Structure formats: structure tokens, C-alpha cells
């Protein structure tokens, strides 16, 4: 498991409080377009391979405890052309 110092890529005192518009209009749009995001504040997490109790450590931003976690995850489809999830 990563320590907080290794998983942290933001300067001390950094606060991440994006609006819904910023999350969709900036972060998600860049992710979908495969463009680089300036700071690594939203991680790629495979929700199908991680235990729920490990999620907080993987999604930690900075040095403080948070009630909100931000991450990207792919939907695992049961069938390649279907909409049903696995």
C-alpha cells in the first residue's frame, strides 16, 4: 500500500473543491479526449479490483482527511456491445 507522501502529488496546503461544472467541463472532458490534466488530483481506479476499504487511501489528495473522493473508473460491461454491467 502506498504511503500518503508517495501518493501525494500536490503541494502542502492544496485544497481541491471543484464544482460540478469544473469536474465535467474540465477534468472529464480532458480525460475523454486523452489530454493531460495539469495536476494528478483525480486518479484512475479499477473499482472491480480494489477492496472498498482501500479506496480512501487510493483517492487521497493532499494531507487532510476528506469526505469526498474523486476518481475515474471504467464501466465493466458483461458483453462488448451491450449495456449490462458485469
Protein backbone atom coordinates (compact mmCIF):
# COMPACT_ATOMS: atom_id res chain seq x y z
CA UNK A 1 0.00 0.00 0.00
CA UNK A 2 1.27 3.48 -0.83
CA UNK A 3 2.07 5.89 1.94
CA UNK A 4 0.47 9.32 1.96
CA UNK A 5 3.73 11.01 0.95
CA UNK A 6 4.20 8.76 -2.09
CA UNK A 7 0.61 9.10 -3.28
CA UNK A 8 0.54 12.87 -2.88
CA UNK A 9 1.36 14.91 -5.97
CA UNK A 10 0.11 18.29 -4.78
CA UNK A 11 1.85 20.95 -2.69
CA UNK A 12 1.12 21.30 1.04
CA UNK A 13 -1.95 23.41 1.68
CA UNK A 14 -3.54 22.50 -1.63
CA UNK A 15 -7.35 22.24 -1.47
CA UNK A 16 -9.41 20.56 -4.17
CA UNK A 17 -13.02 21.78 -4.21
CA UNK A 18 -14.21 21.63 -7.84
CA UNK A 19 -17.76 22.47 -8.85
CA UNK A 20 -19.83 20.00 -10.85
CA UNK A 21 -19.25 22.14 -13.94
CA UNK A 22 -15.47 22.04 -13.40
CA UNK A 23 -15.49 18.28 -12.90
CA UNK A 24 -17.37 17.65 -16.13
CA UNK A 25 -16.23 20.61 -18.23
CA UNK A 26 -12.54 20.39 -17.44
CA UNK A 27 -11.47 17.10 -15.85
CA UNK A 28 -13.84 14.64 -17.51
CA UNK A 29 -13.64 16.36 -20.90
CA UNK A 30 -9.83 16.18 -20.85
CA UNK A 31 -9.89 12.55 -19.69
CA UNK A 32 -12.24 11.53 -22.52
CA UNK A 33 -10.10 13.43 -25.05
CA UNK A 34 -6.91 11.77 -23.65
CA UNK A 35 -5.44 15.18 -22.85
CA UNK A 36 -3.03 15.78 -19.97
CA UNK A 37 -4.53 17.20 -16.79
CA UNK A 38 -2.25 19.74 -15.09
CA UNK A 39 -2.19 18.11 -11.63
CA UNK A 40 -2.68 14.44 -10.83
CA UNK A 41 -5.58 15.04 -8.45
CA UNK A 42 -8.09 12.57 -9.89
CA UNK A 43 -6.81 9.01 -10.07
CA UNK A 44 -7.73 6.09 -12.30
CA UNK A 45 -9.21 3.39 -10.07
CA UNK A 46 -10.41 -0.05 -11.13
CA UNK A 47 -13.42 -0.45 -8.84
CA UNK A 48 -13.74 -4.10 -9.83
CA UNK A 49 -10.27 -4.97 -8.46
CA UNK A 50 -9.96 -2.85 -5.34
CA UNK A 51 -11.39 -3.57 -1.92
CA UNK A 52 -13.79 -0.89 -0.62
CA UNK A 53 -11.68 -0.27 2.49
CA UNK A 54 -8.64 0.52 0.29
CA UNK A 55 -10.50 3.16 -1.73
CA UNK A 56 -9.86 6.05 0.67
CA UNK A 57 -6.09 5.55 0.59
CA UNK A 58 -6.02 5.35 -3.21
CA UNK A 59 -8.12 8.50 -3.66
CA UNK A 60 -6.46 10.67 -1.02
CA UNK A 61 -5.47 14.14 -2.19
CA UNK A 62 -3.02 16.14 -0.12
CA UNK A 63 -2.56 15.67 3.59
CA UNK A 64 -6.01 16.04 5.11
CA UNK A 65 -8.86 13.62 5.76
CA UNK A 66 -11.70 14.08 3.28
CA UNK A 67 -15.31 13.08 2.96
CA UNK A 68 -15.29 13.44 -0.83
CA UNK A 69 -13.17 11.26 -3.09
CA UNK A 70 -12.63 11.86 -6.80
CA UNK A 71 -11.56 9.16 -9.23
CA UNK A 72 -12.05 7.90 -12.78
CA UNK A 73 -13.26 4.36 -13.33
CA UNK A 74 -14.25 2.36 -16.40
CA UNK A 75 -17.55 0.53 -16.57
CA UNK A 76 -17.02 -3.22 -16.93
CA UNK A 77 -19.56 -4.45 -19.47
CA UNK A 78 -20.84 -8.01 -19.38
CA UNK A 79 -20.98 -8.12 -23.20
CA UNK A 80 -18.84 -5.94 -25.50
CA UNK A 81 -21.80 -4.50 -27.42
CA UNK A 82 -24.30 -4.46 -24.56
CA UNK A 83 -25.17 -2.03 -21.82
CA UNK A 84 -25.43 -4.56 -18.99
CA UNK A 85 -22.65 -4.25 -16.44
CA UNK A 86 -20.72 -7.16 -15.05
